[in-house]
N, C-alpha and C. Protein backbone atom coordinates (compact mmCIF):
# COMPACT_ATOMS: atom_id res chain seq x y z
N MET A 1 -8.19 -8.87 3.33
CA MET A 1 -6.69 -8.95 2.56
C MET A 1 -5.77 -9.30 3.64
N ALA A 2 -5.62 -8.80 4.81
CA ALA A 2 -4.54 -8.74 5.69
C ALA A 2 -4.09 -10.50 6.05
N ASP A 3 -5.12 -11.20 5.83
CA ASP A 3 -5.24 -12.45 6.09
C ASP A 3 -3.93 -13.41 4.95
N ILE A 4 -4.42 -12.83 3.79
CA ILE A 4 -3.76 -13.20 2.55
C ILE A 4 -2.24 -12.72 2.74
N VAL A 5 -2.34 -11.47 2.77
CA VAL A 5 -0.74 -10.79 3.19
C VAL A 5 0.08 -11.61 4.41
N GLU A 6 -0.47 -11.84 5.10
CA GLU A 6 0.06 -12.63 6.44
C GLU A 6 0.38 -14.21 5.81
N ARG A 7 -0.37 -14.80 5.05
CA ARG A 7 -0.22 -16.18 4.91
C ARG A 7 1.01 -16.21 3.84
N VAL A 8 0.78 -15.09 2.78
CA VAL A 8 1.89 -15.34 1.90
C VAL A 8 3.30 -14.93 2.53
N ALA A 9 3.30 -13.95 3.58
CA ALA A 9 4.48 -13.58 4.07
C ALA A 9 5.18 -14.99 4.81
N GLN A 10 4.33 -15.60 5.60
CA GLN A 10 4.64 -16.82 6.12
C GLN A 10 5.31 -17.94 5.10
N GLU A 11 4.76 -18.14 4.13
CA GLU A 11 4.98 -18.91 2.94
C GLU A 11 6.32 -18.80 2.34
N LEU A 12 6.33 -17.36 1.96
CA LEU A 12 7.62 -16.54 1.58
C LEU A 12 8.81 -16.96 2.34
N GLY A 13 8.60 -16.70 3.94
CA GLY A 13 9.73 -17.01 4.75
C GLY A 13 9.89 -18.56 4.91
N SER A 14 9.01 -19.69 4.85
CA SER A 14 9.17 -20.83 5.16
C SER A 14 9.58 -21.57 3.87
N GLN A 15 9.35 -21.38 2.72
CA GLN A 15 9.80 -21.88 1.54
C GLN A 15 11.40 -21.41 1.66
N ARG A 16 11.72 -20.22 1.72
CA ARG A 16 13.10 -19.65 1.90
C ARG A 16 14.04 -20.76 2.57
N ALA A 17 13.34 -20.98 4.09
CA ALA A 17 13.93 -21.76 4.96
C ALA A 17 13.86 -23.15 4.59
N ARG A 18 12.95 -23.42 4.08
CA ARG A 18 12.88 -25.04 3.31
C ARG A 18 14.24 -24.65 2.59
N LEU A 19 14.61 -24.18 1.72
CA LEU A 19 15.68 -24.45 0.87
C LEU A 19 17.45 -24.06 1.79
N GLY A 20 17.23 -23.41 2.92
CA GLY A 20 18.09 -23.09 3.66
C GLY A 20 19.21 -21.90 3.00
N ILE A 21 18.39 -20.96 2.46
CA ILE A 21 19.50 -19.87 1.71
C ILE A 21 18.91 -18.50 2.59
N PRO A 22 19.82 -17.71 2.51
CA PRO A 22 19.75 -16.38 3.27
C PRO A 22 18.98 -15.68 2.34
N LEU A 23 18.19 -14.55 2.84
CA LEU A 23 17.37 -13.51 2.25
C LEU A 23 17.96 -12.90 0.99
N ASP A 24 19.32 -12.37 1.29
CA ASP A 24 20.08 -11.68 0.01
C ASP A 24 20.26 -12.62 -1.06
N GLU A 25 20.43 -14.05 -0.80
CA GLU A 25 20.47 -15.06 -1.74
C GLU A 25 19.38 -15.29 -2.54
N ALA A 26 18.32 -15.31 -1.81
CA ALA A 26 16.87 -15.70 -2.55
C ALA A 26 16.44 -14.42 -3.30
N ALA A 27 16.85 -12.98 -2.73
CA ALA A 27 16.44 -11.92 -3.46
C ALA A 27 17.25 -11.94 -4.88
N ARG A 28 18.32 -12.36 -4.63
CA ARG A 28 19.34 -12.16 -6.15
C ARG A 28 19.09 -13.10 -7.13
N ARG A 29 18.51 -14.12 -6.56
CA ARG A 29 18.16 -15.44 -7.72
C ARG A 29 16.78 -14.80 -8.11
N ALA A 30 15.86 -14.46 -7.83
CA ALA A 30 14.76 -13.71 -7.97
C ALA A 30 14.80 -12.20 -8.60
N ALA A 31 16.00 -11.66 -8.45
CA ALA A 31 16.27 -10.43 -9.21
C ALA A 31 14.86 -9.26 -8.57
N ILE A 32 15.18 -9.71 -6.87
CA ILE A 32 14.23 -8.79 -6.10
C ILE A 32 14.93 -7.66 -5.21
N ASP A 33 14.96 -6.59 -4.72
CA ASP A 33 15.49 -5.98 -4.04
C ASP A 33 15.47 -6.80 -2.53
N ALA A 34 16.72 -7.00 -1.78
CA ALA A 34 16.56 -7.74 -0.47
C ALA A 34 15.55 -7.11 0.50
N ALA A 35 15.72 -5.54 0.43
CA ALA A 35 14.91 -4.92 1.33
C ALA A 35 13.40 -5.25 1.11
N LYS A 36 13.11 -5.43 -0.20
CA LYS A 36 11.64 -5.38 -0.34
C LYS A 36 11.14 -6.97 0.14
N LEU A 37 12.11 -7.83 -0.22
CA LEU A 37 11.83 -9.31 0.04
C LEU A 37 11.27 -9.44 1.65
N ALA A 38 12.47 -8.62 2.26
CA ALA A 38 12.50 -8.75 3.72
C ALA A 38 10.78 -8.38 4.22
N ALA A 39 10.59 -7.11 3.60
CA ALA A 39 9.29 -6.52 4.05
C ALA A 39 8.40 -7.06 3.73
N ALA A 40 8.12 -8.14 2.56
CA ALA A 40 7.17 -8.92 2.05
C ALA A 40 7.04 -9.87 3.07
N GLU A 41 8.32 -10.33 3.56
CA GLU A 41 8.18 -11.63 4.45
C GLU A 41 7.62 -11.19 5.73
N ASN A 42 8.09 -9.98 6.14
CA ASN A 42 7.53 -9.41 7.20
C ASN A 42 5.90 -8.72 7.26
N ALA A 43 5.10 -9.36 6.28
CA ALA A 43 3.67 -8.80 5.94
C ALA A 43 3.55 -7.17 6.08
N GLU A 44 4.96 -6.55 5.43
CA GLU A 44 4.64 -5.02 5.54
C GLU A 44 4.34 -4.45 3.87
N MET A 45 4.42 -5.32 3.17
CA MET A 45 3.90 -4.56 1.67
C MET A 45 4.00 -6.08 0.88
N THR A 46 3.43 -5.95 -0.11
CA THR A 46 3.09 -7.15 -1.19
C THR A 46 3.91 -7.05 -2.43
N LEU A 47 4.21 -8.23 -3.01
CA LEU A 47 5.38 -8.40 -3.83
C LEU A 47 4.24 -8.42 -5.40
N GLU A 48 4.85 -8.17 -6.18
CA GLU A 48 3.82 -8.05 -7.52
C GLU A 48 4.00 -9.23 -8.16
N GLU A 49 3.13 -9.64 -9.13
CA GLU A 49 2.73 -11.23 -9.61
C GLU A 49 4.11 -11.49 -10.23
N ASN A 50 4.80 -10.71 -11.14
CA ASN A 50 5.94 -11.24 -11.62
C ASN A 50 7.42 -11.18 -10.62
N GLU A 51 6.93 -10.46 -9.43
CA GLU A 51 8.26 -11.07 -8.24
C GLU A 51 7.80 -12.19 -7.64
N LEU A 52 6.69 -12.67 -7.38
CA LEU A 52 6.13 -13.78 -6.82
C LEU A 52 6.51 -15.08 -7.73
N ARG A 53 6.53 -14.89 -9.37
CA ARG A 53 6.25 -15.85 -10.40
C ARG A 53 8.04 -16.10 -10.01
N ARG A 54 9.07 -15.13 -9.96
CA ARG A 54 10.36 -15.34 -9.97
C ARG A 54 10.89 -15.63 -8.86
N LEU A 55 10.22 -15.59 -7.72
CA LEU A 55 10.52 -16.41 -6.44
C LEU A 55 10.31 -17.91 -6.40
N ALA A 56 9.03 -18.16 -6.98
CA ALA A 56 8.75 -19.36 -7.05
C ALA A 56 9.57 -20.12 -7.95
N ASP A 57 10.06 -19.79 -8.83
CA ASP A 57 11.01 -20.33 -9.86
C ASP A 57 12.27 -20.75 -9.05
N ALA A 58 12.86 -19.69 -8.30
CA ALA A 58 14.06 -19.89 -7.73
C ALA A 58 13.91 -20.54 -6.66
N TYR A 59 12.59 -20.96 -6.12
CA TYR A 59 12.37 -22.17 -5.01
C TYR A 59 12.00 -23.35 -5.70
N GLY A 60 11.92 -23.49 -6.97
CA GLY A 60 11.17 -24.41 -7.35
C GLY A 60 10.18 -25.16 -6.93
N ILE A 61 9.02 -24.03 -6.85
CA ILE A 61 7.50 -24.54 -6.64
C ILE A 61 6.66 -23.95 -7.55
N ASP A 62 5.63 -24.12 -7.56
CA ASP A 62 4.57 -23.13 -8.30
C ASP A 62 4.19 -22.40 -7.41
N VAL A 63 3.95 -21.06 -8.07
CA VAL A 63 3.43 -19.75 -7.42
C VAL A 63 2.09 -20.02 -6.49
N THR A 64 1.49 -20.83 -6.69
CA THR A 64 0.28 -21.06 -5.75
C THR A 64 0.59 -21.61 -4.64
N ALA A 65 1.82 -22.09 -4.55
CA ALA A 65 2.07 -22.46 -3.06
C ALA A 65 2.38 -21.67 -2.07
N PHE A 66 2.44 -20.15 -2.41
CA PHE A 66 2.52 -19.13 -1.96
C PHE A 66 1.23 -18.89 -1.25
N PHE A 67 0.02 -19.59 -1.85
CA PHE A 67 -1.43 -19.26 -1.30
C PHE A 67 -2.09 -20.42 -1.14
N GLY A 68 -1.27 -21.22 -0.58
CA GLY A 68 -1.82 -22.48 0.12
C GLY A 68 -2.19 -23.53 -1.27
N GLY A 69 -1.80 -23.26 -2.03
CA GLY A 69 -1.98 -24.41 -3.54
C GLY A 69 -3.09 -23.91 -4.02
N ARG A 70 -3.88 -22.85 -3.78
CA ARG A 70 -4.85 -22.52 -4.67
C ARG A 70 -4.52 -21.22 -5.84
N ILE A 71 -5.62 -21.05 -6.67
CA ILE A 71 -5.25 -19.75 -7.58
C ILE A 71 -4.55 -18.76 -6.59
N THR A 72 -3.73 -17.90 -7.57
CA THR A 72 -3.15 -16.52 -6.59
C THR A 72 -4.49 -15.86 -6.93
N PRO A 73 -4.80 -15.33 -5.35
CA PRO A 73 -5.42 -14.22 -5.04
C PRO A 73 -5.68 -12.94 -5.34
N LYS A 74 -6.43 -12.38 -6.20
CA LYS A 74 -6.50 -11.16 -6.75
C LYS A 74 -6.47 -10.12 -5.48
N GLU A 75 -6.72 -10.48 -4.30
CA GLU A 75 -7.02 -9.29 -3.36
C GLU A 75 -5.65 -9.11 -2.80
N TYR A 76 -4.67 -10.33 -2.80
CA TYR A 76 -3.28 -9.71 -2.59
C TYR A 76 -2.45 -9.04 -3.72
N LEU A 77 -2.49 -9.33 -4.98
CA LEU A 77 -1.94 -8.82 -6.03
C LEU A 77 -2.55 -7.41 -6.16
N PHE A 78 -4.06 -7.34 -6.12
CA PHE A 78 -4.61 -6.02 -6.76
C PHE A 78 -5.13 -5.31 -5.56
N GLY A 79 -5.03 -5.83 -4.09
CA GLY A 79 -5.45 -5.10 -3.16
C GLY A 79 -7.05 -5.13 -3.04
N GLY A 80 -7.58 -5.64 -3.83
CA GLY A 80 -8.97 -5.91 -3.96
C GLY A 80 -9.87 -6.48 -2.88
């Protein structure tokens, strides 16, 4: 599971950087607490599926991009 959390954390940060927007702006656009997004980008916690979908919408990408273009792994979402 740690590998998935790290991968998503990296993608969260790189997708935000691609758009050139600060963390607080990304959090606002996706209606996510900025501290929670920061923790997710640092692989300190996971986001819920609806939060990932809102971020993907805010970033103009498909949610699977956070997982390398594959189906959203249940291990990330459900700790399995």
